C-alpha atoms as a PDB file:
ATOM      1  CA  UNK A   1     -11.701  -4.390  10.255  1.00  0.00           C
ATOM      2  CA  UNK A   2      -9.703  -6.997   8.493  1.00  0.00           C
ATOM      3  CA  UNK A   3      -5.940  -6.331   7.777  1.00  0.00           C
ATOM      4  CA  UNK A   4      -5.264  -4.831   4.353  1.00  0.00           C
ATOM      5  CA  UNK A   5      -1.959  -3.909   2.928  1.00  0.00           C
ATOM      6  CA  UNK A   6      -2.516  -2.680  -0.996  1.00  0.00           C
ATOM      7  CA  UNK A   7       1.154  -1.390  -1.681  1.00  0.00           C
ATOM      8  CA  UNK A   8       3.946  -3.788  -1.694  1.00  0.00           C
ATOM      9  CA  UNK A   9       7.162  -4.611  -3.506  1.00  0.00           C
ATOM     10  CA  UNK A  10       9.300  -7.685  -4.460  1.00  0.00           C
ATOM     11  CA  UNK A  11      12.289  -8.664  -6.249  1.00  0.00           C
ATOM     12  CA  UNK A  12      10.338  -8.252  -9.748  1.00  0.00           C
ATOM     13  CA  UNK A  13      11.140  -4.547  -9.109  1.00  0.00           C
ATOM     14  CA  UNK A  14      13.181  -3.090  -5.993  1.00  0.00           C
ATOM     15  CA  UNK A  15      11.887  -5.152  -3.266  1.00  0.00           C
ATOM     16  CA  UNK A  16      13.997  -7.642  -1.388  1.00  0.00           C
ATOM     17  CA  UNK A  17      11.801 -10.846  -1.287  1.00  0.00           C
ATOM     18  CA  UNK A  18      10.580 -13.191  -4.109  1.00  0.00           C
ATOM     19  CA  UNK A  19       6.930 -13.003  -4.350  1.00  0.00           C
ATOM     20  CA  UNK A  20       6.235 -15.974  -2.455  1.00  0.00           C
ATOM     21  CA  UNK A  21       8.138 -15.097   0.372  1.00  0.00           C
ATOM     22  CA  UNK A  22       6.478 -11.745   0.605  1.00  0.00           C
ATOM     23  CA  UNK A  23       2.988 -13.468   0.800  1.00  0.00           C
ATOM     24  CA  UNK A  24       4.486 -15.692   3.571  1.00  0.00           C
ATOM     25  CA  UNK A  25       5.793 -12.682   5.234  1.00  0.00           C
ATOM     26  CA  UNK A  26       2.192 -10.939   4.957  1.00  0.00           C
ATOM     27  CA  UNK A  27       0.516 -14.023   6.193  1.00  0.00           C
ATOM     28  CA  UNK A  28       2.778 -13.932   9.244  1.00  0.00           C
ATOM     29  CA  UNK A  29       1.879 -10.563  10.085  1.00  0.00           C
ATOM     30  CA  UNK A  30      -1.664 -11.173   9.843  1.00  0.00           C
ATOM     31  CA  UNK A  31      -2.617  -9.597   6.486  1.00  0.00           C
ATOM     32  CA  UNK A  32      -5.805 -10.947   5.041  1.00  0.00           C
ATOM     33  CA  UNK A  33      -6.169  -8.843   1.784  1.00  0.00           C
ATOM     34  CA  UNK A  34      -2.866  -8.204  -0.032  1.00  0.00           C
ATOM     35  CA  UNK A  35      -1.807  -6.118  -3.157  1.00  0.00           C
ATOM     36  CA  UNK A  36       1.389  -6.738  -4.826  1.00  0.00           C
ATOM     37  CA  UNK A  37       2.314  -3.400  -6.779  1.00  0.00           C
ATOM     38  CA  UNK A  38       5.754  -3.621  -8.088  1.00  0.00           C
ATOM     39  CA  UNK A  39       7.243  -0.849 -10.009  1.00  0.00           C
ATOM     40  CA  UNK A  40       6.188  -0.725 -13.615  1.00  0.00           C
ATOM     41  CA  UNK A  41       5.936  -4.350 -14.039  1.00  0.00           C
ATOM     42  CA  UNK A  42       3.453  -7.159 -13.376  1.00  0.00           C
ATOM     43  CA  UNK A  43       6.175 -10.082 -13.340  1.00  0.00           C
ATOM     44  CA  UNK A  44       5.434 -11.165  -9.820  1.00  0.00           C
ATOM     45  CA  UNK A  45       2.131 -11.571  -9.647  1.00  0.00           C
ATOM     46  CA  UNK A  46       1.610 -14.925 -10.907  1.00  0.00           C
ATOM     47  CA  UNK A  47       3.760 -16.264  -8.046  1.00  0.00           C
ATOM     48  CA  UNK A  48       2.124 -14.025  -5.528  1.00  0.00           C
ATOM     49  CA  UNK A  49      -1.273 -15.172  -6.586  1.00  0.00           C
ATOM     50  CA  UNK A  50      -0.477 -18.761  -6.152  1.00  0.00           C
ATOM     51  CA  UNK A  51       0.963 -18.501  -2.707  1.00  0.00           C
ATOM     52  CA  UNK A  52      -2.192 -16.195  -1.665  1.00  0.00           C
ATOM     53  CA  UNK A  53      -4.465 -19.011  -2.642  1.00  0.00           C
ATOM     54  CA  UNK A  54      -2.475 -21.435  -0.720  1.00  0.00           C
ATOM     55  CA  UNK A  55      -2.279 -19.478   2.544  1.00  0.00           C
ATOM     56  CA  UNK A  56      -6.050 -18.112   2.031  1.00  0.00           C
ATOM     57  CA  UNK A  57      -5.324 -14.657   1.625  1.00  0.00           C
ATOM     58  CA  UNK A  58      -7.365 -12.440  -0.638  1.00  0.00           C
ATOM     59  CA  UNK A  59      -5.199 -11.315  -3.304  1.00  0.00           C
ATOM     60  CA  UNK A  60      -5.285  -8.174  -5.496  1.00  0.00           C
ATOM     61  CA  UNK A  61      -3.160  -7.800  -8.316  1.00  0.00           C
ATOM     62  CA  UNK A  62      -1.750  -4.455  -8.845  1.00  0.00           C
ATOM     63  CA  UNK A  63       1.487  -1.999 -10.420  1.00  0.00           C
ATOM     64  CA  UNK A  64       2.718   1.040  -9.363  1.00  0.00           C
ATOM     65  CA  UNK A  65       3.200   3.171 -12.599  1.00  0.00           C
ATOM     66  CA  UNK A  66       5.506   6.384 -12.421  1.00  0.00           C
ATOM     67  CA  UNK A  67       4.347   9.433 -14.029  1.00  0.00           C
ATOM     68  CA  UNK A  68       5.244  13.266 -14.248  1.00  0.00           C
ATOM     69  CA  UNK A  69       2.970  16.254 -13.479  1.00  0.00           C
ATOM     70  CA  UNK A  70       4.310  19.806 -13.566  1.00  0.00           C
ATOM     71  CA  UNK A  71       7.856  18.838 -13.087  1.00  0.00           C
ATOM     72  CA  UNK A  72       7.160  16.274 -10.277  1.00  0.00           C
ATOM     73  CA  UNK A  73       7.518  12.652 -10.076  1.00  0.00           C
ATOM     74  CA  UNK A  74       4.354  11.085  -9.230  1.00  0.00           C
ATOM     75  CA  UNK A  75       3.672   7.182  -8.411  1.00  0.00           C
ATOM     76  CA  UNK A  76      -0.021   5.748  -9.328  1.00  0.00           C
ATOM     77  CA  UNK A  77      -0.672   2.512  -7.982  1.00  0.00           C
ATOM     78  CA  UNK A  78      -3.101   0.447 -10.171  1.00  0.00           C
ATOM     79  CA  UNK A  79      -5.411  -2.143  -7.978  1.00  0.00           C
ATOM     80  CA  UNK A  80      -6.997  -5.200  -9.173  1.00  0.00           C
ATOM     81  CA  UNK A  81      -5.954  -4.845 -12.596  1.00  0.00           C
ATOM     82  CA  UNK A  82      -5.911  -7.476 -15.450  1.00  0.00           C
ATOM     83  CA  UNK A  83      -2.211  -8.036 -15.600  1.00  0.00           C
ATOM     84  CA  UNK A  84      -2.576  -9.750 -19.051  1.00  0.00           C
ATOM     85  CA  UNK A  85      -4.840  -7.342 -20.644  1.00  0.00           C
ATOM     86  CA  UNK A  86      -3.416  -5.300 -23.810  1.00  0.00           C
ATOM     87  CA  UNK A  87      -3.258  -1.869 -21.707  1.00  0.00           C
ATOM     88  CA  UNK A  88      -1.216  -3.308 -19.169  1.00  0.00           C
ATOM     89  CA  UNK A  89       1.106  -5.123 -21.540  1.00  0.00           C
ATOM     90  CA  UNK A  90       1.409  -1.605 -23.246  1.00  0.00           C
ATOM     91  CA  UNK A  91       2.025   0.153 -20.084  1.00  0.00           C
ATOM     92  CA  UNK A  92       4.644  -2.456 -19.083  1.00  0.00           C
ATOM     93  CA  UNK A  93       6.564  -2.307 -22.229  1.00  0.00           C
ATOM     94  CA  UNK A  94       6.477   1.607 -22.449  1.00  0.00           C
ATOM     95  CA  UNK A  95       7.813   1.935 -18.699  1.00  0.00           C
ATOM     96  CA  UNK A  96      10.654  -0.868 -19.183  1.00  0.00           C
ATOM     97  CA  UNK A  97      11.764   1.395 -22.200  1.00  0.00           C
ATOM     98  CA  UNK A  98      11.504   4.444 -19.835  1.00  0.00           C
ATOM     99  CA  UNK A  99      13.408   2.974 -17.194  1.00  0.00           C
ATOM    100  CA  UNK A 100      15.972   1.691 -19.313  1.00  0.00           C
ATOM    101  CA  UNK A 101      16.569   5.253 -21.079  1.00  0.00           C
ATOM    102  CA  UNK A 102      16.458   6.570 -17.431  1.00  0.00           C
ATOM    103  CA  UNK A 103      19.247   4.055 -16.269  1.00  0.00           C
ATOM    104  CA  UNK A 104      21.392   5.160 -19.080  1.00  0.00           C
ATOM    105  CA  UNK A 105      21.128   8.780 -18.439  1.00  0.00           C
ATOM    106  CA  UNK A 106      21.841   8.503 -14.468  1.00  0.00           C
ATOM    107  CA  UNK A 107      24.895   6.312 -15.530  1.00  0.00           C
ATOM    108  CA  UNK A 108      26.086   9.052 -17.879  1.00  0.00           C
ATOM    109  CA  UNK A 109      25.631  11.694 -15.113  1.00  0.00           C
ATOM    110  CA  UNK A 110      27.350   9.560 -12.212  1.00  0.00           C
ATOM    111  CA  UNK A 111      30.192   9.017 -14.800  1.00  0.00           C
ATOM    112  CA  UNK A 112      30.724  12.760 -15.040  1.00  0.00           C
ATOM    113  CA  UNK A 113      30.913  12.775 -11.227  1.00  0.00           C
ATOM    114  CA  UNK A 114      33.864  10.558 -11.273  1.00  0.00           C
ATOM    115  CA  UNK A 115      31.568   7.380 -10.925  1.00  0.00           C
ATOM    116  CA  UNK A 116      32.008   5.104 -13.939  1.00  0.00           C
ATOM    117  CA  UNK A 117      30.481   1.733 -13.955  1.00  0.00           C
ATOM    118  CA  UNK A 118      27.494   2.036 -11.882  1.00  0.00           C
ATOM    119  CA  UNK A 119      24.880   1.321 -14.559  1.00  0.00           C
ATOM    120  CA  UNK A 120      26.537  -1.939 -15.642  1.00  0.00           C
ATOM    121  CA  UNK A 121      26.447  -2.967 -12.101  1.00  0.00           C
ATOM    122  CA  UNK A 122      23.090  -1.976 -11.221  1.00  0.00           C
ATOM    123  CA  UNK A 123      22.008  -3.997 -14.191  1.00  0.00           C
ATOM    124  CA  UNK A 124      23.420  -7.106 -12.968  1.00  0.00           C
ATOM    125  CA  UNK A 125      21.969  -6.364  -9.537  1.00  0.00           C
ATOM    126  CA  UNK A 126      18.566  -6.116 -11.135  1.00  0.00           C
ATOM    127  CA  UNK A 127      18.963  -9.420 -12.429  1.00  0.00           C
ATOM    128  CA  UNK A 128      16.132  -8.820 -14.847  1.00  0.00           C
ATOM    129  CA  UNK A 129      13.907  -6.942 -12.770  1.00  0.00           C
ATOM    130  CA  UNK A 130      12.743  -3.489 -13.626  1.00  0.00           C
ATOM    131  CA  UNK A 131      15.883  -1.405 -12.838  1.00  0.00           C
ATOM    132  CA  UNK A 132      15.281   1.585 -10.165  1.00  0.00           C
ATOM    133  CA  UNK A 133      17.124   3.810  -8.123  1.00  0.00           C
ATOM    134  CA  UNK A 134      17.732   1.512  -5.472  1.00  0.00           C
ATOM    135  CA  UNK A 135      19.689  -0.784  -7.485  1.00  0.00           C
ATOM    136  CA  UNK A 136      22.057   2.235  -8.497  1.00  0.00           C
ATOM    137  CA  UNK A 137      22.209   3.099  -4.612  1.00  0.00           C
ATOM    138  CA  UNK A 138      23.480  -0.421  -3.996  1.00  0.00           C
ATOM    139  CA  UNK A 139      25.834  -0.372  -6.967  1.00  0.00           C
ATOM    140  CA  UNK A 140      27.454   2.798  -5.790  1.00  0.00           C
ATOM    141  CA  UNK A 141      28.304   1.181  -2.480  1.00  0.00           C
ATOM    142  CA  UNK A 142      29.788  -1.917  -3.990  1.00  0.00           C
ATOM    143  CA  UNK A 143      31.932   0.124  -6.078  1.00  0.00           C
ATOM    144  CA  UNK A 144      32.832   2.400  -3.087  1.00  0.00           C
ATOM    145  CA  UNK A 145      31.562   5.551  -3.990  1.00  0.00           C
ATOM    146  CA  UNK A 146      29.408   6.091  -1.073  1.00  0.00           C
ATOM    147  CA  UNK A 147      29.341   4.215   2.251  1.00  0.00           C
ATOM    148  CA  UNK A 148      25.582   3.627   2.203  1.00  0.00           C
ATOM    149  CA  UNK A 149      22.586   3.566   0.156  1.00  0.00           C
ATOM    150  CA  UNK A 150      21.227   6.379   2.373  1.00  0.00           C
ATOM    151  CA  UNK A 151      24.152   8.327   1.360  1.00  0.00           C
ATOM    152  CA  UNK A 152      23.527   7.512  -2.335  1.00  0.00           C
ATOM    153  CA  UNK A 153      20.252   8.966  -2.289  1.00  0.00           C
ATOM    154  CA  UNK A 154      20.970  11.987  -0.165  1.00  0.00           C
ATOM    155  CA  UNK A 155      23.817  12.893  -2.343  1.00  0.00           C
ATOM    156  CA  UNK A 156      23.029  11.887  -5.897  1.00  0.00           C
ATOM    157  CA  UNK A 157      19.641  10.002  -6.609  1.00  0.00           C
ATOM    158  CA  UNK A 158      17.118  11.783  -4.404  1.00  0.00           C
ATOM    159  CA  UNK A 159      14.742  14.133  -5.343  1.00  0.00           C
ATOM    160  CA  UNK A 160      16.120  17.181  -7.472  1.00  0.00           C
ATOM    161  CA  UNK A 161      19.613  15.463  -7.334  1.00  0.00           C
ATOM    162  CA  UNK A 162      21.561  14.776 -10.313  1.00  0.00           C
ATOM    163  CA  UNK A 163      20.190  11.165 -10.579  1.00  0.00           C
ATOM    164  CA  UNK A 164      16.724  12.251 -10.356  1.00  0.00           C
ATOM    165  CA  UNK A 165      15.903  11.643 -14.095  1.00  0.00           C
ATOM    166  CA  UNK A 166      12.205  12.237 -14.947  1.00  0.00           C
ATOM    167  CA  UNK A 167      11.897  13.157 -18.422  1.00  0.00           C
ATOM    168  CA  UNK A 168      11.029   9.766 -19.839  1.00  0.00           C
ATOM    169  CA  UNK A 169       7.978   8.806 -17.797  1.00  0.00           C
ATOM    170  CA  UNK A 170       4.590   9.146 -19.489  1.00  0.00           C
ATOM    171  CA  UNK A 171       1.713  11.969 -19.054  1.00  0.00           C
ATOM    172  CA  UNK A 172      -0.700  11.442 -15.575  1.00  0.00           C
ATOM    173  CA  UNK A 173      -3.714  11.132 -18.029  1.00  0.00           C
ATOM    174  CA  UNK A 174      -1.861   8.170 -19.993  1.00  0.00           C
ATOM    175  CA  UNK A 175      -1.282   6.164 -16.816  1.00  0.00           C
ATOM    176  CA  UNK A 176      -4.756   6.556 -15.742  1.00  0.00           C
ATOM    177  CA  UNK A 177      -5.994   5.392 -18.910  1.00  0.00           C
ATOM    178  CA  UNK A 178      -3.801   2.380 -18.759  1.00  0.00           C
ATOM    179  CA  UNK A 179      -5.039   1.498 -15.694  1.00  0.00           C
ATOM    180  CA  UNK A 180      -8.775   2.063 -16.157  1.00  0.00           C
ATOM    181  CA  UNK A 181      -8.520   0.040 -19.490  1.00  0.00           C
ATOM    182  CA  UNK A 182      -7.179  -2.737 -17.626  1.00  0.00           C
ATOM    183  CA  UNK A 183      -9.994  -2.757 -15.291  1.00  0.00           C
ATOM    184  CA  UNK A 184      -8.370  -1.505 -12.445  1.00  0.00           C
ATOM    185  CA  UNK A 185      -8.753   1.407  -9.849  1.00  0.00           C
ATOM    186  CA  UNK A 186      -5.996   4.240 -10.179  1.00  0.00           C
ATOM    187  CA  UNK A 187      -4.740   5.139  -6.616  1.00  0.00           C
ATOM    188  CA  UNK A 188      -2.491   8.224  -5.737  1.00  0.00           C
ATOM    189  CA  UNK A 189       0.452   6.380  -3.696  1.00  0.00           C
ATOM    190  CA  UNK A 190       1.712   7.973  -0.606  1.00  0.00           C
ATOM    191  CA  UNK A 191       0.524  11.920  -1.303  1.00  0.00           C
ATOM    192  CA  UNK A 192       2.627  13.302   1.453  1.00  0.00           C
ATOM    193  CA  UNK A 193       5.848  12.205   0.033  1.00  0.00           C
ATOM    194  CA  UNK A 194       5.942  14.379  -2.721  1.00  0.00           C
ATOM    195  CA  UNK A 195       7.652  17.670  -2.913  1.00  0.00           C
ATOM    196  CA  UNK A 196       4.412  19.568  -2.895  1.00  0.00           C
ATOM    197  CA  UNK A 197       2.816  22.244  -0.632  1.00  0.00           C
ATOM    198  CA  UNK A 198      -0.768  21.252   0.625  1.00  0.00           C
ATOM    199  CA  UNK A 199      -2.202  23.666  -2.006  1.00  0.00           C
ATOM    200  CA  UNK A 200      -0.434  22.325  -5.022  1.00  0.00           C
ATOM    201  CA  UNK A 201      -1.210  18.865  -3.773  1.00  0.00           C
ATOM    202  CA  UNK A 202      -4.927  19.998  -3.817  1.00  0.00           C
ATOM    203  CA  UNK A 203      -4.426  21.008  -7.233  1.00  0.00           C
ATOM    204  CA  UNK A 204      -3.231  17.709  -8.361  1.00  0.00           C
ATOM    205  CA  UNK A 205      -5.744  16.155  -6.788  1.00  0.00           C
ATOM    206  CA  UNK A 206      -8.166  17.719  -8.812  1.00  0.00           C
ATOM    207  CA  UNK A 207      -6.730  17.139 -12.048  1.00  0.00           C
ATOM    208  CA  UNK A 208      -6.151  13.498 -10.893  1.00  0.00           C
ATOM    209  CA  UNK A 209      -9.937  13.128 -10.237  1.00  0.00           C
ATOM    210  CA  UNK A 210     -10.754  14.919 -13.577  1.00  0.00           C
ATOM    211  CA  UNK A 211      -8.785  12.287 -15.554  1.00  0.00           C
ATOM    212  CA  UNK A 212     -10.416   9.405 -13.898  1.00  0.00           C
ATOM    213  CA  UNK A 213      -8.420   9.007 -10.689  1.00  0.00           C
ATOM    214  CA  UNK A 214     -10.582   6.909  -8.087  1.00  0.00           C
ATOM    215  CA  UNK A 215      -8.601   6.539  -4.854  1.00  0.00           C
ATOM    216  CA  UNK A 216      -5.651   7.638  -2.708  1.00  0.00           C
ATOM    217  CA  UNK A 217      -3.555   6.242  -0.191  1.00  0.00           C
ATOM    218  CA  UNK A 218      -4.799   7.820   3.256  1.00  0.00           C
ATOM    219  CA  UNK A 219      -2.185   5.651   5.455  1.00  0.00           C
ATOM    220  CA  UNK A 220       1.048   4.175   4.703  1.00  0.00           C
ATOM    221  CA  UNK A 221       4.251   3.484   5.876  1.00  0.00           C
ATOM    222  CA  UNK A 222       6.995   6.067   7.055  1.00  0.00           C
ATOM    223  CA  UNK A 223       4.220   8.860   6.987  1.00  0.00           C
ATOM    224  CA  UNK A 224       4.101  11.232   9.808  1.00  0.00           C
ATOM    225  CA  UNK A 225       0.883  10.188  12.006  1.00  0.00           C
ATOM    226  CA  UNK A 226      -0.104  13.948  12.363  1.00  0.00           C
ATOM    227  CA  UNK A 227      -0.748  14.517   8.634  1.00  0.00           C
ATOM    228  CA  UNK A 228      -3.165  11.539   7.978  1.00  0.00           C
ATOM    229  CA  UNK A 229      -6.191  13.528   9.437  1.00  0.00           C
ATOM    230  CA  UNK A 230      -5.716  16.057   6.716  1.00  0.00           C
ATOM    231  CA  UNK A 231      -5.188  13.254   3.865  1.00  0.00           C
ATOM    232  CA  UNK A 232      -8.504  11.707   5.042  1.00  0.00           C
ATOM    233  CA  UNK A 233     -10.216  15.052   4.751  1.00  0.00           C
ATOM    234  CA  UNK A 234      -8.966  15.558   1.461  1.00  0.00           C
ATOM    235  CA  UNK A 235      -9.909  12.146   0.099  1.00  0.00           C
ATOM    236  CA  UNK A 236     -13.466  12.900   1.424  1.00  0.00           C
ATOM    237  CA  UNK A 237     -13.429  16.327  -0.182  1.00  0.00           C
ATOM    238  CA  UNK A 238     -12.503  15.122  -3.496  1.00  0.00           C
ATOM    239  CA  UNK A 239     -14.956  11.989  -3.287  1.00  0.00           C
ATOM    240  CA  UNK A 240     -11.765   9.641  -3.561  1.00  0.00           C
ATOM    241  CA  UNK A 241     -11.954   6.414  -2.168  1.00  0.00           C
ATOM    242  CA  UNK A 242      -9.417   5.489   0.648  1.00  0.00           C
ATOM    243  CA  UNK A 243      -6.703   2.982   0.246  1.00  0.00           C
ATOM    244  CA  UNK A 244      -3.780   2.084   2.531  1.00  0.00           C
ATOM    245  CA  UNK A 245      -0.425   0.309   2.034  1.00  0.00           C
ATOM    246  CA  UNK A 246       2.755  -0.418   3.894  1.00  0.00           C
ATOM    247  CA  UNK A 247       4.925   0.430   0.605  1.00  0.00           C
ATOM    248  CA  UNK A 248       7.095  -2.594   1.891  1.00  0.00           C
ATOM    249  CA  UNK A 249      10.370  -3.149   0.112  1.00  0.00           C
ATOM    250  CA  UNK A 250      12.902  -4.717   2.466  1.00  0.00           C
ATOM    251  CA  UNK A 251      12.660  -6.467   6.069  1.00  0.00           C
ATOM    252  CA  UNK A 252      15.630  -4.151   7.197  1.00  0.00           C
ATOM    253  CA  UNK A 253      13.190  -1.264   6.856  1.00  0.00           C
ATOM    254  CA  UNK A 254      11.079  -1.753   9.808  1.00  0.00           C
ATOM    255  CA  UNK A 255       9.200   1.543   9.217  1.00  0.00           C
ATOM    256  CA  UNK A 256       7.615  -0.060   6.384  1.00  0.00           C
ATOM    257  CA  UNK A 257       7.157  -3.585   7.373  1.00  0.00           C
ATOM    258  CA  UNK A 258       4.488  -5.471   5.632  1.00  0.00           C
ATOM    259  CA  UNK A 259       1.164  -5.091   7.312  1.00  0.00           C
ATOM    260  CA  UNK A 260       2.374  -2.069   9.385  1.00  0.00           C
ATOM    261  CA  UNK A 261       0.215   0.940   8.623  1.00  0.00           C
ATOM    262  CA  UNK A 262      -0.741   3.626  11.008  1.00  0.00           C
ATOM    263  CA  UNK A 263      -4.068   3.780  12.447  1.00  0.00           C
ATOM    264  CA  UNK A 264      -6.410   5.544   9.885  1.00  0.00           C
ATOM    265  CA  UNK A 265      -7.739   9.189  11.163  1.00  0.00           C
ATOM    266  CA  UNK A 266     -11.080  10.263  10.247  1.00  0.00           C
ATOM    267  CA  UNK A 267     -14.027   9.060   8.116  1.00  0.00           C
ATOM    268  CA  UNK A 268     -13.305   7.479   4.723  1.00  0.00           C
ATOM    269  CA  UNK A 269     -14.682   5.120   1.926  1.00  0.00           C
ATOM    270  CA  UNK A 270     -12.662   1.993   1.861  1.00  0.00           C
ATOM    271  CA  UNK A 271     -11.488   1.107  -1.908  1.00  0.00           C
ATOM    272  CA  UNK A 272     -11.303  -2.749  -0.493  1.00  0.00           C
ATOM    273  CA  UNK A 273     -14.757  -2.931   0.407  1.00  0.00           C
ATOM    274  CA  UNK A 274     -15.450  -3.947  -3.223  1.00  0.00           C
ATOM    275  CA  UNK A 275     -13.158  -7.055  -2.940  1.00  0.00           C
ATOM    276  CA  UNK A 276     -13.372  -8.373   0.476  1.00  0.00           C
END
């Protein structure tokens, strides 16, 4: 099997590398088919595509769109999208406004916790990229409010914490529609990382499938390998294609190194078979 990584991030959202540098790193790691899937933006795709062509890597344009379902924040990866399509331009514009509103609310919540000035610094650190909670975590460390980014998430920004604002995200059906209208495949990202029981995850997948979802990640960086067999079975049960991805953000995070994906467990129908 060729080495595939269909979930990575660059400085266009909350990653640490420029798009071209990410592609070079993927090449050094032996990746032969790469998708760049920044959060709610297509800004890094042109640069990544150009470097992929130079290095002979099969490039899959992608995006990771935030949505909400039954109060749970969910990420849907769109693969093989037409980034300049009307649907994708509408999606990015909507998500940019949602992220801006969310950033304002996070800043207000943190200020009430005696941590003023975080939003302004987070925007500065984002430097025009889509602002996300990792930028807030970096800002909180720089301002001395927490000792580490891990502490920022554990105490203030993680799931269920004061900075976990979800209300501005679009509905799941809208996200799937944007993806499909842009010619892409809607993929459920890292299904084991949400605060859901297996039963609730199955209910979500039923809805996702009915709305036009076509694939789910069955192996990805940072997941417990013992859970992967179950994920492969769920994909097969719901007749979803299988996707894989490191969810790479930063070279310092060795557990999500680009191209580093736990071995797939069980039978699967690879989503990438249509592209390579």
